């Protein structure tokens, strides 16, 4: 099972990019009223949700190994990551309301997608702090 945990750093970057790209594409769809952007957002969030779930499972496995020391930052990262993956899954499921062009369905999808994008960004930042430390950017 430790091997699954070691896959976390390899798996996580793809869903981060997909969910953030989905949020950006949905923002472009709102601003331009171009449905093509929404199609891009829907496809990205669906793929991001699947890969995010895999990365979350691997992350939980990694956190319980001897490789990683327990810390409050790790706990924040774990639970925010779980929330981010959950939000991405809910956003992916909400895309089915978007296809029916339900106004309420679209609004729910957008709120959950933007929440997922924010959670993914914050969780990724905490993950970077865990790996690189708080002074990484200082000369």
Protein backbone atom coordinates (compact mmCIF):
# COMPACT_ATOMS: atom_id res chain seq x y z
CA UNK A 1 0.00 0.00 0.00
CA UNK A 2 2.96 2.31 0.51
CA UNK A 3 3.54 2.18 -3.25
CA UNK A 4 0.09 3.69 -3.86
CA UNK A 5 0.99 6.56 -1.56
CA UNK A 6 4.20 7.20 -3.44
CA UNK A 7 2.14 7.79 -6.59
CA UNK A 8 0.49 10.88 -5.06
CA UNK A 9 3.10 13.39 -6.34
CA UNK A 10 2.80 11.88 -9.82
CA UNK A 11 -0.99 11.81 -9.89
CA UNK A 12 -1.85 15.16 -8.35
CA UNK A 13 -0.64 17.64 -10.94
CA UNK A 14 -2.98 16.50 -13.70
CA UNK A 15 -6.25 16.96 -11.75
CA UNK A 16 -5.03 20.30 -10.36
CA UNK A 17 -4.55 21.54 -13.91
CA UNK A 18 -7.85 20.07 -15.13
CA UNK A 19 -10.02 21.54 -12.37
CA UNK A 20 -8.41 24.98 -12.56
CA UNK A 21 -8.65 24.91 -16.37
CA UNK A 22 -12.33 23.98 -16.01
CA UNK A 23 -12.96 26.94 -13.72
CA UNK A 24 -11.14 29.29 -16.10
CA UNK A 25 -13.05 27.91 -19.10
CA UNK A 26 -16.36 28.33 -17.27
CA UNK A 27 -15.41 31.91 -16.44
CA UNK A 28 -14.67 32.46 -20.14
CA UNK A 29 -18.09 30.95 -20.97
CA UNK A 30 -19.76 33.42 -18.62
CA UNK A 31 -17.86 36.44 -19.95
CA UNK A 32 -18.15 35.59 -23.66
CA UNK A 33 -21.48 33.69 -23.65
CA UNK A 34 -19.72 31.14 -25.88
CA UNK A 35 -20.99 27.60 -25.18
CA UNK A 36 -17.74 26.19 -26.56
CA UNK A 37 -15.99 27.28 -23.38
CA UNK A 38 -18.61 25.50 -21.28
CA UNK A 39 -17.95 22.31 -23.24
CA UNK A 40 -14.26 22.63 -22.41
CA UNK A 41 -15.10 23.25 -18.74
CA UNK A 42 -17.42 20.25 -18.51
CA UNK A 43 -14.91 17.86 -20.06
CA UNK A 44 -12.08 19.13 -17.87
CA UNK A 45 -14.01 18.96 -14.61
CA UNK A 46 -15.23 15.43 -15.34
CA UNK A 47 -11.70 14.19 -16.01
CA UNK A 48 -10.31 16.24 -13.12
CA UNK A 49 -12.83 14.69 -10.72
CA UNK A 50 -11.84 11.14 -11.66
CA UNK A 51 -8.11 11.79 -11.44
CA UNK A 52 -8.60 13.89 -8.30
CA UNK A 53 -10.25 10.97 -6.59
CA UNK A 54 -7.29 8.72 -7.45
CA UNK A 55 -4.81 11.35 -6.28
CA UNK A 56 -6.73 11.81 -3.02
CA UNK A 57 -6.66 8.10 -2.27
CA UNK A 58 -2.93 8.04 -2.97
CA UNK A 59 -2.43 11.11 -0.80
CA UNK A 60 -4.18 9.54 2.16
CA UNK A 61 -2.01 6.43 1.75
CA UNK A 62 1.13 8.60 1.61
CA UNK A 63 0.18 10.54 4.74
CA UNK A 64 0.15 7.41 6.90
CA UNK A 65 3.61 6.20 5.84
CA UNK A 66 6.87 6.78 7.68
CA UNK A 67 7.97 9.03 4.81
CA UNK A 68 5.72 11.86 5.94
CA UNK A 69 5.79 13.35 9.42
CA UNK A 70 2.50 14.36 11.04
CA UNK A 71 1.89 18.10 11.31
CA UNK A 72 -1.02 20.54 11.45
CA UNK A 73 -0.17 21.63 7.90
CA UNK A 74 -0.45 18.03 6.72
CA UNK A 75 -3.89 17.72 8.34
CA UNK A 76 -5.09 20.90 6.64
CA UNK A 77 -3.71 19.63 3.33
CA UNK A 78 -5.40 16.22 3.73
CA UNK A 79 -8.83 17.56 4.61
CA UNK A 80 -8.80 20.43 2.11
CA UNK A 81 -7.68 17.97 -0.56
CA UNK A 82 -10.53 15.66 0.34
CA UNK A 83 -12.96 18.59 0.19
CA UNK A 84 -11.50 19.69 -3.15
CA UNK A 85 -11.89 16.21 -4.64
CA UNK A 86 -15.43 16.02 -3.28
CA UNK A 87 -16.31 19.42 -4.73
CA UNK A 88 -14.84 18.40 -8.10
CA UNK A 89 -16.96 15.23 -8.04
CA UNK A 90 -20.10 17.23 -7.20
CA UNK A 91 -19.27 19.71 -9.97
CA UNK A 92 -18.79 16.83 -12.42
CA UNK A 93 -22.17 15.40 -11.43
CA UNK A 94 -23.74 18.85 -11.70
CA UNK A 95 -22.65 19.05 -15.34
CA UNK A 96 -25.63 16.89 -16.20
CA UNK A 97 -27.92 19.80 -15.16
CA UNK A 98 -25.91 22.05 -17.47
CA UNK A 99 -26.67 19.81 -20.43
CA UNK A 100 -30.42 20.21 -19.83
CA UNK A 101 -29.91 23.99 -19.79
CA UNK A 102 -31.61 24.30 -16.42
CA UNK A 103 -30.81 27.78 -15.04
CA UNK A 104 -30.68 26.48 -11.48
CA UNK A 105 -28.55 23.52 -12.58
CA UNK A 106 -26.08 25.83 -14.30
CA UNK A 107 -25.84 28.06 -11.23
CA UNK A 108 -25.26 25.12 -8.89
CA UNK A 109 -22.63 23.76 -11.26
CA UNK A 110 -20.86 27.13 -11.44
CA UNK A 111 -20.82 27.68 -7.68
CA UNK A 112 -19.50 24.19 -7.00
CA UNK A 113 -16.94 24.39 -9.82
CA UNK A 114 -15.54 27.72 -8.63
CA UNK A 115 -15.46 26.38 -5.07
CA UNK A 116 -13.60 23.29 -6.29
CA UNK A 117 -11.13 25.45 -8.21
CA UNK A 118 -10.44 27.57 -5.13
CA UNK A 119 -10.06 24.52 -2.88
CA UNK A 120 -7.70 22.89 -5.37
CA UNK A 121 -5.52 26.01 -5.50
CA UNK A 122 -5.35 26.38 -1.71
CA UNK A 123 -4.72 22.66 -1.21
CA UNK A 124 -1.97 22.72 -3.83
CA UNK A 125 -0.36 25.66 -2.06
CA UNK A 126 -0.38 23.76 1.23
CA UNK A 127 1.11 20.74 -0.54
CA UNK A 128 3.87 22.94 -1.90
CA UNK A 129 4.56 24.24 1.60
CA UNK A 130 4.81 20.66 2.85
CA UNK A 131 7.33 19.71 0.17
CA UNK A 132 9.33 22.90 -0.26
CA UNK A 133 8.85 24.79 3.01
CA UNK A 134 7.61 28.30 3.68
CA UNK A 135 10.80 30.06 2.56
CA UNK A 136 11.12 28.41 -0.82
CA UNK A 137 10.77 31.63 -2.86
CA UNK A 138 13.09 33.70 -0.70
CA UNK A 139 16.61 34.27 -2.06
